[in-house]
Amino acid sequence: MLIRPLISDLLPQALALNNANVPAVSVSDPEGMAKLLELSDVAIAVVEDEAPDVLRAFALVMSPGAEYSSENYQWFSDRGTNFLYLDRIVVADDAQNQGVGRAIYEAVFAAASERGRDEVACEVNVDPPNPGSMRFHDRLGFVEIGRLSTKGDSVVVALLAAPVSAVS
């Protein structure tokens, strides 16, 4: 698989992949996904070597100062640290457990380092639970720095951060 920038031509596939992974990520629509791509400082696509137009995974990452209304992003912004915020990462079911998630995180941490950021921030659902994601983030050096009840108290997330030096 190849890692390359996520471009608008892949947005329909990103939307389908995103919405197939709710509630681990928030549902979106075509306009919302296009807006997320526009707000992203880093947009990563993982595609097949032999089929570079087939999206297998993606990640959208925001820098501080983005005009993004996400409660989770706002929490990190209010915290006032020098971060890159991983808004969403989605890996197709049949591409999981093949190192794709780790490769994406390595690219995100490299981008954070290139931009002079101190940490990478993200959140993982704890209600509804996502224990696999929590274990994955723990292995990468993320620590819980807070919790937030979102979406009208229908979701509780663990707010996580890892120093840029955690993944290399």
Foldseek 3Di string as FASTA:
>chain_A
DDKDFDDPLQLVVVLVQQQVDPPQADHDDSVRSVVLQVQFPGKMFDADPVCRSHTFKIWGKHFAPGPDDDPLNVVVNVVPFGEIETRDIGGHPVCPPVCPVVVVVLVVLVVCVVVVGFKYKYKGWPVVHDVVVVVVVVQLAKDFPDWDQDDVNNTIIGIIMHTSVSRD
